[in-house]
mmCIF file of all heavy atoms, coordinates in Angstrom:
data_MODEL
# 
_entry.id   MODEL 
# 
loop_
_atom_site.group_PDB 
_atom_site.id 
_atom_site.type_symbol 
_atom_site.label_atom_id 
_atom_site.label_alt_id 
_atom_site.label_comp_id 
_atom_site.label_asym_id 
_atom_site.label_entity_id 
_atom_site.label_seq_id 
_atom_site.pdbx_PDB_ins_code 
_atom_site.Cartn_x 
_atom_site.Cartn_y 
_atom_site.Cartn_z 
_atom_site.occupancy 
_atom_site.B_iso_or_equiv 
_atom_site.pdbx_formal_charge 
_atom_site.auth_seq_id 
_atom_site.auth_comp_id 
_atom_site.auth_asym_id 
_atom_site.auth_atom_id 
_atom_site.pdbx_PDB_model_num 
ATOM 1   N N   . ALA A 1 1  ? 159.427 210.193 35.001 1.00 0.00 ? 1  ALA A N   1 
ATOM 2   C CA  . ALA A 1 1  ? 159.556 211.610 35.379 1.00 0.00 ? 1  ALA A CA  1 
ATOM 3   C C   . ALA A 1 1  ? 160.769 212.251 34.626 1.00 0.00 ? 1  ALA A C   1 
ATOM 4   O O   . ALA A 1 1  ? 160.629 213.362 34.098 1.00 0.00 ? 1  ALA A O   1 
ATOM 5   C CB  . ALA A 1 1  ? 159.689 211.721 36.873 1.00 0.00 ? 1  ALA A CB  1 
ATOM 6   N N   . LEU A 1 2  ? 161.867 211.549 34.534 1.00 0.00 ? 2  LEU A N   1 
ATOM 7   C CA  . LEU A 1 2  ? 162.963 212.031 33.777 1.00 0.00 ? 2  LEU A CA  1 
ATOM 8   C C   . LEU A 1 2  ? 162.710 212.237 32.347 1.00 0.00 ? 2  LEU A C   1 
ATOM 9   O O   . LEU A 1 2  ? 163.115 213.333 31.688 1.00 0.00 ? 2  LEU A O   1 
ATOM 10  C CB  . LEU A 1 2  ? 164.226 211.166 33.972 1.00 0.00 ? 2  LEU A CB  1 
ATOM 11  C CG  . LEU A 1 2  ? 164.804 211.095 35.403 1.00 0.00 ? 2  LEU A CG  1 
ATOM 12  C CD1 . LEU A 1 2  ? 165.886 209.999 35.496 1.00 0.00 ? 2  LEU A CD1 1 
ATOM 13  C CD2 . LEU A 1 2  ? 165.256 212.441 35.769 1.00 0.00 ? 2  LEU A CD2 1 
ATOM 14  N N   . TRP A 1 3  ? 161.967 211.246 31.798 1.00 0.00 ? 3  TRP A N   1 
ATOM 15  C CA  . TRP A 1 3  ? 161.584 211.361 30.364 1.00 0.00 ? 3  TRP A CA  1 
ATOM 16  C C   . TRP A 1 3  ? 160.639 212.548 30.084 1.00 0.00 ? 3  TRP A C   1 
ATOM 17  O O   . TRP A 1 3  ? 160.854 213.334 29.186 1.00 0.00 ? 3  TRP A O   1 
ATOM 18  C CB  . TRP A 1 3  ? 160.938 210.083 29.909 1.00 0.00 ? 3  TRP A CB  1 
ATOM 19  C CG  . TRP A 1 3  ? 160.203 210.118 28.599 1.00 0.00 ? 3  TRP A CG  1 
ATOM 20  C CD1 . TRP A 1 3  ? 160.780 210.034 27.419 1.00 0.00 ? 3  TRP A CD1 1 
ATOM 21  C CD2 . TRP A 1 3  ? 158.835 210.297 28.401 1.00 0.00 ? 3  TRP A CD2 1 
ATOM 22  N NE1 . TRP A 1 3  ? 159.807 210.121 26.445 1.00 0.00 ? 3  TRP A NE1 1 
ATOM 23  C CE2 . TRP A 1 3  ? 158.638 210.334 27.041 1.00 0.00 ? 3  TRP A CE2 1 
ATOM 24  C CE3 . TRP A 1 3  ? 157.716 210.524 29.179 1.00 0.00 ? 3  TRP A CE3 1 
ATOM 25  C CZ2 . TRP A 1 3  ? 157.334 210.518 26.485 1.00 0.00 ? 3  TRP A CZ2 1 
ATOM 26  C CZ3 . TRP A 1 3  ? 156.463 210.713 28.725 1.00 0.00 ? 3  TRP A CZ3 1 
ATOM 27  C CH2 . TRP A 1 3  ? 156.261 210.651 27.311 1.00 0.00 ? 3  TRP A CH2 1 
ATOM 28  N N   . LEU A 1 4  ? 159.672 212.755 30.976 1.00 0.00 ? 4  LEU A N   1 
ATOM 29  C CA  . LEU A 1 4  ? 158.783 213.882 30.836 1.00 0.00 ? 4  LEU A CA  1 
ATOM 30  C C   . LEU A 1 4  ? 159.476 215.229 31.087 1.00 0.00 ? 4  LEU A C   1 
ATOM 31  O O   . LEU A 1 4  ? 159.205 216.162 30.307 1.00 0.00 ? 4  LEU A O   1 
ATOM 32  C CB  . LEU A 1 4  ? 157.518 213.709 31.773 1.00 0.00 ? 4  LEU A CB  1 
ATOM 33  C CG  . LEU A 1 4  ? 156.515 214.739 31.707 1.00 0.00 ? 4  LEU A CG  1 
ATOM 34  C CD1 . LEU A 1 4  ? 155.944 214.991 30.365 1.00 0.00 ? 4  LEU A CD1 1 
ATOM 35  C CD2 . LEU A 1 4  ? 155.362 214.418 32.810 1.00 0.00 ? 4  LEU A CD2 1 
ATOM 36  N N   . ALA A 1 5  ? 160.365 215.260 32.027 1.00 0.00 ? 5  ALA A N   1 
ATOM 37  C CA  . ALA A 1 5  ? 161.087 216.466 32.317 1.00 0.00 ? 5  ALA A CA  1 
ATOM 38  C C   . ALA A 1 5  ? 161.906 216.934 31.001 1.00 0.00 ? 5  ALA A C   1 
ATOM 39  O O   . ALA A 1 5  ? 161.864 218.119 30.665 1.00 0.00 ? 5  ALA A O   1 
ATOM 40  C CB  . ALA A 1 5  ? 161.989 216.372 33.469 1.00 0.00 ? 5  ALA A CB  1 
ATOM 41  N N   . GLU A 1 6  ? 162.498 215.925 30.404 1.00 0.00 ? 6  GLU A N   1 
ATOM 42  C CA  . GLU A 1 6  ? 163.218 216.195 29.171 1.00 0.00 ? 6  GLU A CA  1 
ATOM 43  C C   . GLU A 1 6  ? 162.323 216.769 28.065 1.00 0.00 ? 6  GLU A C   1 
ATOM 44  O O   . GLU A 1 6  ? 162.659 217.601 27.357 1.00 0.00 ? 6  GLU A O   1 
ATOM 45  C CB  . GLU A 1 6  ? 164.007 214.976 28.736 1.00 0.00 ? 6  GLU A CB  1 
ATOM 46  C CG  . GLU A 1 6  ? 164.956 215.215 27.572 1.00 0.00 ? 6  GLU A CG  1 
ATOM 47  C CD  . GLU A 1 6  ? 166.000 216.255 27.823 1.00 0.00 ? 6  GLU A CD  1 
ATOM 48  O OE1 . GLU A 1 6  ? 166.483 216.435 28.995 1.00 0.00 ? 6  GLU A OE1 1 
ATOM 49  O OE2 . GLU A 1 6  ? 166.379 216.967 26.854 1.00 0.00 ? 6  GLU A OE2 1 
ATOM 50  N N   . ASN A 1 7  ? 161.169 216.106 27.886 1.00 0.00 ? 7  ASN A N   1 
ATOM 51  C CA  . ASN A 1 7  ? 160.204 216.549 26.978 1.00 0.00 ? 7  ASN A CA  1 
ATOM 52  C C   . ASN A 1 7  ? 159.697 218.047 27.165 1.00 0.00 ? 7  ASN A C   1 
ATOM 53  O O   . ASN A 1 7  ? 159.655 218.751 26.214 1.00 0.00 ? 7  ASN A O   1 
ATOM 54  C CB  . ASN A 1 7  ? 158.979 215.575 26.881 1.00 0.00 ? 7  ASN A CB  1 
ATOM 55  C CG  . ASN A 1 7  ? 159.212 214.395 25.991 1.00 0.00 ? 7  ASN A CG  1 
ATOM 56  O OD1 . ASN A 1 7  ? 159.087 214.453 24.835 1.00 0.00 ? 7  ASN A OD1 1 
ATOM 57  N ND2 . ASN A 1 7  ? 159.687 213.333 26.625 1.00 0.00 ? 7  ASN A ND2 1 
ATOM 58  N N   . LEU A 1 8  ? 159.485 218.361 28.433 1.00 0.00 ? 8  LEU A N   1 
ATOM 59  C CA  . LEU A 1 8  ? 159.008 219.659 28.719 1.00 0.00 ? 8  LEU A CA  1 
ATOM 60  C C   . LEU A 1 8  ? 160.187 220.672 28.549 1.00 0.00 ? 8  LEU A C   1 
ATOM 61  O O   . LEU A 1 8  ? 159.933 221.785 27.978 1.00 0.00 ? 8  LEU A O   1 
ATOM 62  C CB  . LEU A 1 8  ? 158.450 219.740 30.101 1.00 0.00 ? 8  LEU A CB  1 
ATOM 63  C CG  . LEU A 1 8  ? 157.115 218.956 30.297 1.00 0.00 ? 8  LEU A CG  1 
ATOM 64  C CD1 . LEU A 1 8  ? 156.620 219.009 31.750 1.00 0.00 ? 8  LEU A CD1 1 
ATOM 65  C CD2 . LEU A 1 8  ? 156.051 219.441 29.353 1.00 0.00 ? 8  LEU A CD2 1 
ATOM 66  N N   . ARG A 1 9  ? 161.358 220.287 28.970 1.00 0.00 ? 9  ARG A N   1 
ATOM 67  C CA  . ARG A 1 9  ? 162.528 221.210 28.688 1.00 0.00 ? 9  ARG A CA  1 
ATOM 68  C C   . ARG A 1 9  ? 162.649 221.468 27.261 1.00 0.00 ? 9  ARG A C   1 
ATOM 69  O O   . ARG A 1 9  ? 162.896 222.647 26.785 1.00 0.00 ? 9  ARG A O   1 
ATOM 70  C CB  . ARG A 1 9  ? 163.860 220.567 29.181 1.00 0.00 ? 9  ARG A CB  1 
ATOM 71  C CG  . ARG A 1 9  ? 164.117 220.788 30.607 1.00 0.00 ? 9  ARG A CG  1 
ATOM 72  C CD  . ARG A 1 9  ? 165.549 220.295 30.904 1.00 0.00 ? 9  ARG A CD  1 
ATOM 73  N NE  . ARG A 1 9  ? 165.472 219.812 32.273 1.00 0.00 ? 9  ARG A NE  1 
ATOM 74  C CZ  . ARG A 1 9  ? 165.430 218.477 32.591 1.00 0.00 ? 9  ARG A CZ  1 
ATOM 75  N NH1 . ARG A 1 9  ? 165.450 217.552 31.737 1.00 0.00 ? 9  ARG A NH1 1 
ATOM 76  N NH2 . ARG A 1 9  ? 165.431 218.182 33.897 1.00 0.00 ? 9  ARG A NH2 1 
ATOM 77  N N   . HIS A 1 10 ? 162.572 220.471 26.408 1.00 0.00 ? 10 HIS A N   1 
ATOM 78  C CA  . HIS A 1 10 ? 162.598 220.663 24.960 1.00 0.00 ? 10 HIS A CA  1 
ATOM 79  C C   . HIS A 1 10 ? 161.496 221.584 24.484 1.00 0.00 ? 10 HIS A C   1 
ATOM 80  O O   . HIS A 1 10 ? 161.784 222.433 23.598 1.00 0.00 ? 10 HIS A O   1 
ATOM 81  C CB  . HIS A 1 10 ? 162.530 219.296 24.247 1.00 0.00 ? 10 HIS A CB  1 
ATOM 82  C CG  . HIS A 1 10 ? 162.643 219.318 22.805 1.00 0.00 ? 10 HIS A CG  1 
ATOM 83  N ND1 . HIS A 1 10 ? 163.808 219.669 22.178 1.00 0.00 ? 10 HIS A ND1 1 
ATOM 84  C CD2 . HIS A 1 10 ? 161.783 219.103 21.852 1.00 0.00 ? 10 HIS A CD2 1 
ATOM 85  C CE1 . HIS A 1 10 ? 163.643 219.655 20.813 1.00 0.00 ? 10 HIS A CE1 1 
ATOM 86  N NE2 . HIS A 1 10 ? 162.386 219.255 20.611 1.00 0.00 ? 10 HIS A NE2 1 
ATOM 87  N N   . ALA A 1 11 ? 160.321 221.411 24.958 1.00 0.00 ? 11 ALA A N   1 
ATOM 88  C CA  . ALA A 1 11 ? 159.231 222.302 24.523 1.00 0.00 ? 11 ALA A CA  1 
ATOM 89  C C   . ALA A 1 11 ? 159.502 223.733 24.903 1.00 0.00 ? 11 ALA A C   1 
ATOM 90  O O   . ALA A 1 11 ? 159.182 224.707 24.147 1.00 0.00 ? 11 ALA A O   1 
ATOM 91  C CB  . ALA A 1 11 ? 157.921 221.791 25.154 1.00 0.00 ? 11 ALA A CB  1 
ATOM 92  N N   . ILE A 1 12 ? 160.079 223.953 26.101 1.00 0.00 ? 12 ILE A N   1 
ATOM 93  C CA  . ILE A 1 12 ? 160.507 225.285 26.489 1.00 0.00 ? 12 ILE A CA  1 
ATOM 94  C C   . ILE A 1 12 ? 161.536 225.894 25.641 1.00 0.00 ? 12 ILE A C   1 
ATOM 95  O O   . ILE A 1 12 ? 161.496 227.006 25.120 1.00 0.00 ? 12 ILE A O   1 
ATOM 96  C CB  . ILE A 1 12 ? 160.897 225.328 27.970 1.00 0.00 ? 12 ILE A CB  1 
ATOM 97  C CG1 . ILE A 1 12 ? 159.725 224.954 28.926 1.00 0.00 ? 12 ILE A CG1 1 
ATOM 98  C CG2 . ILE A 1 12 ? 161.494 226.616 28.356 1.00 0.00 ? 12 ILE A CG2 1 
ATOM 99  C CD1 . ILE A 1 12 ? 160.100 224.639 30.349 1.00 0.00 ? 12 ILE A CD1 1 
ATOM 100 N N   . ILE A 1 13 ? 162.596 225.093 25.356 1.00 0.00 ? 13 ILE A N   1 
ATOM 101 C CA  . ILE A 1 13 ? 163.716 225.557 24.462 1.00 0.00 ? 13 ILE A CA  1 
ATOM 102 C C   . ILE A 1 13 ? 163.210 225.845 23.094 1.00 0.00 ? 13 ILE A C   1 
ATOM 103 O O   . ILE A 1 13 ? 163.515 226.857 22.459 1.00 0.00 ? 13 ILE A O   1 
ATOM 104 C CB  . ILE A 1 13 ? 164.793 224.465 24.395 1.00 0.00 ? 13 ILE A CB  1 
ATOM 105 C CG1 . ILE A 1 13 ? 165.437 224.403 25.775 1.00 0.00 ? 13 ILE A CG1 1 
ATOM 106 C CG2 . ILE A 1 13 ? 165.800 224.764 23.236 1.00 0.00 ? 13 ILE A CG2 1 
ATOM 107 C CD1 . ILE A 1 13 ? 166.444 223.203 25.911 1.00 0.00 ? 13 ILE A CD1 1 
ATOM 108 N N   . MET A 1 14 ? 162.286 225.009 22.538 1.00 0.00 ? 14 MET A N   1 
ATOM 109 C CA  . MET A 1 14 ? 161.711 225.201 21.195 1.00 0.00 ? 14 MET A CA  1 
ATOM 110 C C   . MET A 1 14 ? 160.665 226.360 21.082 1.00 0.00 ? 14 MET A C   1 
ATOM 111 O O   . MET A 1 14 ? 160.289 226.711 20.017 1.00 0.00 ? 14 MET A O   1 
ATOM 112 C CB  . MET A 1 14 ? 161.227 223.921 20.618 1.00 0.00 ? 14 MET A CB  1 
ATOM 113 C CG  . MET A 1 14 ? 162.268 222.800 20.507 1.00 0.00 ? 14 MET A CG  1 
ATOM 114 S SD  . MET A 1 14 ? 163.774 223.254 19.565 1.00 0.00 ? 14 MET A SD  1 
ATOM 115 C CE  . MET A 1 14 ? 163.014 223.458 17.975 1.00 0.00 ? 14 MET A CE  1 
ATOM 116 N N   . GLY A 1 15 ? 160.209 226.811 22.231 1.00 0.00 ? 15 GLY A N   1 
ATOM 117 C CA  . GLY A 1 15 ? 159.188 227.837 22.209 1.00 0.00 ? 15 GLY A CA  1 
ATOM 118 C C   . GLY A 1 15 ? 157.779 227.287 22.182 1.00 0.00 ? 15 GLY A C   1 
ATOM 119 O O   . GLY A 1 15 ? 156.839 228.071 22.101 1.00 0.00 ? 15 GLY A O   1 
ATOM 120 N N   . THR A 1 16 ? 157.629 226.045 22.210 1.00 0.00 ? 16 THR A N   1 
ATOM 121 C CA  . THR A 1 16 ? 156.270 225.469 22.224 1.00 0.00 ? 16 THR A CA  1 
ATOM 122 C C   . THR A 1 16 ? 155.629 225.844 23.537 1.00 0.00 ? 16 THR A C   1 
ATOM 123 O O   . THR A 1 16 ? 154.418 226.049 23.635 1.00 0.00 ? 16 THR A O   1 
ATOM 124 C CB  . THR A 1 16 ? 156.284 223.937 22.061 1.00 0.00 ? 16 THR A CB  1 
ATOM 125 O OG1 . THR A 1 16 ? 157.078 223.618 20.903 1.00 0.00 ? 16 THR A OG1 1 
ATOM 126 C CG2 . THR A 1 16 ? 154.964 223.350 21.997 1.00 0.00 ? 16 THR A CG2 1 
ATOM 127 N N   . LEU A 1 17 ? 156.367 225.952 24.582 1.00 0.00 ? 17 LEU A N   1 
ATOM 128 C CA  . LEU A 1 17 ? 155.973 226.426 25.914 1.00 0.00 ? 17 LEU A CA  1 
ATOM 129 C C   . LEU A 1 17 ? 156.712 227.764 26.100 1.00 0.00 ? 17 LEU A C   1 
ATOM 130 O O   . LEU A 1 17 ? 157.864 227.659 26.687 1.00 0.00 ? 17 LEU A O   1 
ATOM 131 C CB  . LEU A 1 17 ? 156.258 225.339 27.052 1.00 0.00 ? 17 LEU A CB  1 
ATOM 132 C CG  . LEU A 1 17 ? 155.473 224.173 27.003 1.00 0.00 ? 17 LEU A CG  1 
ATOM 133 C CD1 . LEU A 1 17 ? 155.974 223.162 28.123 1.00 0.00 ? 17 LEU A CD1 1 
ATOM 134 C CD2 . LEU A 1 17 ? 153.930 224.478 27.286 1.00 0.00 ? 17 LEU A CD2 1 
ATOM 135 N N   . PRO A 1 18 ? 156.213 228.876 25.702 1.00 0.00 ? 18 PRO A N   1 
ATOM 136 C CA  . PRO A 1 18 ? 156.835 230.170 25.845 1.00 0.00 ? 18 PRO A CA  1 
ATOM 137 C C   . PRO A 1 18 ? 156.925 230.727 27.264 1.00 0.00 ? 18 PRO A C   1 
ATOM 138 O O   . PRO A 1 18 ? 156.254 230.242 28.125 1.00 0.00 ? 18 PRO A O   1 
ATOM 139 C CB  . PRO A 1 18 ? 156.050 231.023 24.872 1.00 0.00 ? 18 PRO A CB  1 
ATOM 140 C CG  . PRO A 1 18 ? 154.668 230.502 25.024 1.00 0.00 ? 18 PRO A CG  1 
ATOM 141 C CD  . PRO A 1 18 ? 154.894 229.022 25.076 1.00 0.00 ? 18 PRO A CD  1 
ATOM 142 N N   . PRO A 1 19 ? 157.801 231.631 27.523 1.00 0.00 ? 19 PRO A N   1 
ATOM 143 C CA  . PRO A 1 19 ? 157.874 232.255 28.855 1.00 0.00 ? 19 PRO A CA  1 
ATOM 144 C C   . PRO A 1 19 ? 156.536 232.789 29.278 1.00 0.00 ? 19 PRO A C   1 
ATOM 145 O O   . PRO A 1 19 ? 155.690 233.286 28.483 1.00 0.00 ? 19 PRO A O   1 
ATOM 146 C CB  . PRO A 1 19 ? 158.842 233.412 28.631 1.00 0.00 ? 19 PRO A CB  1 
ATOM 147 C CG  . PRO A 1 19 ? 159.717 233.026 27.451 1.00 0.00 ? 19 PRO A CG  1 
ATOM 148 C CD  . PRO A 1 19 ? 158.755 232.227 26.573 1.00 0.00 ? 19 PRO A CD  1 
ATOM 149 N N   . ASP A 1 20 ? 156.357 232.610 30.592 1.00 0.00 ? 20 ASP A N   1 
ATOM 150 C CA  . ASP A 1 20 ? 155.054 233.025 31.258 1.00 0.00 ? 20 ASP A CA  1 
ATOM 151 C C   . ASP A 1 20 ? 153.852 232.188 30.878 1.00 0.00 ? 20 ASP A C   1 
ATOM 152 O O   . ASP A 1 20 ? 152.728 232.531 31.303 1.00 0.00 ? 20 ASP A O   1 
ATOM 153 C CB  . ASP A 1 20 ? 154.792 234.503 30.972 1.00 0.00 ? 20 ASP A CB  1 
ATOM 154 C CG  . ASP A 1 20 ? 155.857 235.442 31.501 1.00 0.00 ? 20 ASP A CG  1 
ATOM 155 O OD1 . ASP A 1 20 ? 156.345 235.129 32.645 1.00 0.00 ? 20 ASP A OD1 1 
ATOM 156 O OD2 . ASP A 1 20 ? 156.245 236.336 30.833 1.00 0.00 ? 20 ASP A OD2 1 
ATOM 157 N N   . GLU A 1 21 ? 154.036 231.158 30.098 1.00 0.00 ? 21 GLU A N   1 
ATOM 158 C CA  . GLU A 1 21 ? 152.941 230.204 29.803 1.00 0.00 ? 21 GLU A CA  1 
ATOM 159 C C   . GLU A 1 21 ? 152.540 229.419 31.087 1.00 0.00 ? 21 GLU A C   1 
ATOM 160 O O   . GLU A 1 21 ? 153.449 228.876 31.814 1.00 0.00 ? 21 GLU A O   1 
ATOM 161 C CB  . GLU A 1 21 ? 153.399 229.217 28.746 1.00 0.00 ? 21 GLU A CB  1 
ATOM 162 C CG  . GLU A 1 21 ? 152.358 228.191 28.333 1.00 0.00 ? 21 GLU A CG  1 
ATOM 163 C CD  . GLU A 1 21 ? 151.437 228.704 27.318 1.00 0.00 ? 21 GLU A CD  1 
ATOM 164 O OE1 . GLU A 1 21 ? 151.604 229.755 26.693 1.00 0.00 ? 21 GLU A OE1 1 
ATOM 165 O OE2 . GLU A 1 21 ? 150.382 227.970 27.084 1.00 0.00 ? 21 GLU A OE2 1 
ATOM 166 N N   . VAL A 1 22 ? 151.338 229.320 31.305 1.00 0.00 ? 22 VAL A N   1 
ATOM 167 C CA  . VAL A 1 22 ? 150.819 228.519 32.418 1.00 0.00 ? 22 VAL A CA  1 
ATOM 168 C C   . VAL A 1 22 ? 150.687 227.072 31.958 1.00 0.00 ? 22 VAL A C   1 
ATOM 169 O O   . VAL A 1 22 ? 150.095 226.744 30.900 1.00 0.00 ? 22 VAL A O   1 
ATOM 170 C CB  . VAL A 1 22 ? 149.445 228.936 32.978 1.00 0.00 ? 22 VAL A CB  1 
ATOM 171 C CG1 . VAL A 1 22 ? 148.906 228.045 34.052 1.00 0.00 ? 22 VAL A CG1 1 
ATOM 172 C CG2 . VAL A 1 22 ? 149.591 230.407 33.468 1.00 0.00 ? 22 VAL A CG2 1 
ATOM 173 N N   . ILE A 1 23 ? 151.289 226.174 32.738 1.00 0.00 ? 23 ILE A N   1 
ATOM 174 C CA  . ILE A 1 23 ? 151.199 224.766 32.389 1.00 0.00 ? 23 ILE A CA  1 
ATOM 175 C C   . ILE A 1 23 ? 150.327 224.101 33.466 1.00 0.00 ? 23 ILE A C   1 
ATOM 176 O O   . ILE A 1 23 ? 150.689 224.132 34.684 1.00 0.00 ? 23 ILE A O   1 
ATOM 177 C CB  . ILE A 1 23 ? 152.639 224.065 32.459 1.00 0.00 ? 23 ILE A CB  1 
ATOM 178 C CG1 . ILE A 1 23 ? 153.673 224.887 31.660 1.00 0.00 ? 23 ILE A CG1 1 
ATOM 179 C CG2 . ILE A 1 23 ? 152.651 222.646 31.992 1.00 0.00 ? 23 ILE A CG2 1 
ATOM 180 C CD1 . ILE A 1 23 ? 155.096 224.454 31.919 1.00 0.00 ? 23 ILE A CD1 1 
ATOM 181 N N   . LEU A 1 24 ? 149.281 223.376 33.073 1.00 0.00 ? 24 LEU A N   1 
ATOM 182 C CA  . LEU A 1 24 ? 148.368 222.795 34.092 1.00 0.00 ? 24 LEU A CA  1 
ATOM 183 C C   . LEU A 1 24 ? 148.701 221.322 34.252 1.00 0.00 ? 24 LEU A C   1 
ATOM 184 O O   . LEU A 1 24 ? 148.988 220.570 33.253 1.00 0.00 ? 24 LEU A O   1 
ATOM 185 C CB  . LEU A 1 24 ? 146.958 222.857 33.451 1.00 0.00 ? 24 LEU A CB  1 
ATOM 186 C CG  . LEU A 1 24 ? 146.434 224.373 33.322 1.00 0.00 ? 24 LEU A CG  1 
ATOM 187 C CD1 . LEU A 1 24 ? 145.062 224.228 32.673 1.00 0.00 ? 24 LEU A CD1 1 
ATOM 188 C CD2 . LEU A 1 24 ? 146.374 225.063 34.612 1.00 0.00 ? 24 LEU A CD2 1 
ATOM 189 N N   . VAL A 1 25 ? 148.801 220.886 35.467 1.00 0.00 ? 25 VAL A N   1 
ATOM 190 C CA  . VAL A 1 25 ? 149.038 219.489 35.802 1.00 0.00 ? 25 VAL A CA  1 
ATOM 191 C C   . VAL A 1 25 ? 148.177 218.500 35.060 1.00 0.00 ? 25 VAL A C   1 
ATOM 192 O O   . VAL A 1 25 ? 148.677 217.594 34.466 1.00 0.00 ? 25 VAL A O   1 
ATOM 193 C CB  . VAL A 1 25 ? 148.942 219.296 37.324 1.00 0.00 ? 25 VAL A CB  1 
ATOM 194 C CG1 . VAL A 1 25 ? 149.012 217.863 37.736 1.00 0.00 ? 25 VAL A CG1 1 
ATOM 195 C CG2 . VAL A 1 25 ? 149.983 220.038 38.094 1.00 0.00 ? 25 VAL A CG2 1 
ATOM 196 N N   . ASP A 1 26 ? 146.847 218.719 35.139 1.00 0.00 ? 26 ASP A N   1 
ATOM 197 C CA  . ASP A 1 26 ? 145.912 217.814 34.408 1.00 0.00 ? 26 ASP A CA  1 
ATOM 198 C C   . ASP A 1 26 ? 146.176 217.714 32.945 1.00 0.00 ? 26 ASP A C   1 
ATOM 199 O O   . ASP A 1 26 ? 146.046 216.666 32.424 1.00 0.00 ? 26 ASP A O   1 
ATOM 200 C CB  . ASP A 1 26 ? 144.492 218.223 34.759 1.00 0.00 ? 26 ASP A CB  1 
ATOM 201 C CG  . ASP A 1 26 ? 144.108 217.995 36.194 1.00 0.00 ? 26 ASP A CG  1 
ATOM 202 O OD1 . ASP A 1 26 ? 144.758 217.237 36.935 1.00 0.00 ? 26 ASP A OD1 1 
ATOM 203 O OD2 . ASP A 1 26 ? 143.127 218.660 36.637 1.00 0.00 ? 26 ASP A OD2 1 
ATOM 204 N N   . GLU A 1 27 ? 146.502 218.853 32.239 1.00 0.00 ? 27 GLU A N   1 
ATOM 205 C CA  . GLU A 1 27 ? 146.713 218.845 30.891 1.00 0.00 ? 27 GLU A CA  1 
ATOM 206 C C   . GLU A 1 27 ? 147.988 218.003 30.487 1.00 0.00 ? 27 GLU A C   1 
ATOM 207 O O   . GLU A 1 27 ? 147.982 217.266 29.578 1.00 0.00 ? 27 GLU A O   1 
ATOM 208 C CB  . GLU A 1 27 ? 146.760 220.218 30.311 1.00 0.00 ? 27 GLU A CB  1 
ATOM 209 C CG  . GLU A 1 27 ? 145.448 220.976 30.231 1.00 0.00 ? 27 GLU A CG  1 
ATOM 210 C CD  . GLU A 1 27 ? 145.521 222.322 29.586 1.00 0.00 ? 27 GLU A CD  1 
ATOM 211 O OE1 . GLU A 1 27 ? 146.636 222.709 29.138 1.00 0.00 ? 27 GLU A OE1 1 
ATOM 212 O OE2 . GLU A 1 27 ? 144.448 223.024 29.669 1.00 0.00 ? 27 GLU A OE2 1 
ATOM 213 N N   . VAL A 1 28 ? 148.996 218.289 31.321 1.00 0.00 ? 28 VAL A N   1 
ATOM 214 C CA  . VAL A 1 28 ? 150.311 217.532 31.015 1.00 0.00 ? 28 VAL A CA  1 
ATOM 215 C C   . VAL A 1 28 ? 150.003 216.030 31.248 1.00 0.00 ? 28 VAL A C   1 
ATOM 216 O O   . VAL A 1 28 ? 150.363 215.189 30.541 1.00 0.00 ? 28 VAL A O   1 
ATOM 217 C CB  . VAL A 1 28 ? 151.424 218.003 31.880 1.00 0.00 ? 28 VAL A CB  1 
ATOM 218 C CG1 . VAL A 1 28 ? 152.664 217.195 31.811 1.00 0.00 ? 28 VAL A CG1 1 
ATOM 219 C CG2 . VAL A 1 28 ? 151.671 219.479 31.529 1.00 0.00 ? 28 VAL A CG2 1 
ATOM 220 N N   . ALA A 1 29 ? 149.411 215.697 32.349 1.00 0.00 ? 29 ALA A N   1 
ATOM 221 C CA  . ALA A 1 29 ? 149.078 214.238 32.668 1.00 0.00 ? 29 ALA A CA  1 
ATOM 222 C C   . ALA A 1 29 ? 148.264 213.630 31.655 1.00 0.00 ? 29 ALA A C   1 
ATOM 223 O O   . ALA A 1 29 ? 148.594 212.528 31.192 1.00 0.00 ? 29 ALA A O   1 
ATOM 224 C CB  . ALA A 1 29 ? 148.360 214.233 34.032 1.00 0.00 ? 29 ALA A CB  1 
ATOM 225 N N   . ASP A 1 30 ? 147.306 214.329 31.123 1.00 0.00 ? 30 ASP A N   1 
ATOM 226 C CA  . ASP A 1 30 ? 146.432 213.753 29.997 1.00 0.00 ? 30 ASP A CA  1 
ATOM 227 C C   . ASP A 1 30 ? 147.203 213.620 28.737 1.00 0.00 ? 30 ASP A C   1 
ATOM 228 O O   . ASP A 1 30 ? 147.157 212.632 28.012 1.00 0.00 ? 30 ASP A O   1 
ATOM 229 C CB  . ASP A 1 30 ? 145.218 214.631 29.736 1.00 0.00 ? 30 ASP A CB  1 
ATOM 230 C CG  . ASP A 1 30 ? 144.210 214.529 30.917 1.00 0.00 ? 30 ASP A CG  1 
ATOM 231 O OD1 . ASP A 1 30 ? 144.356 213.553 31.826 1.00 0.00 ? 30 ASP A OD1 1 
ATOM 232 O OD2 . ASP A 1 30 ? 143.320 215.379 30.950 1.00 0.00 ? 30 ASP A OD2 1 
# 
């Protein structure tokens, strides 16, 4: 969980996951 949280934080900082982007549980899990 810590590893994945760091990866998602990095994606948010880099703009890969921009503001207001919907993140789906199933897509992240897959």
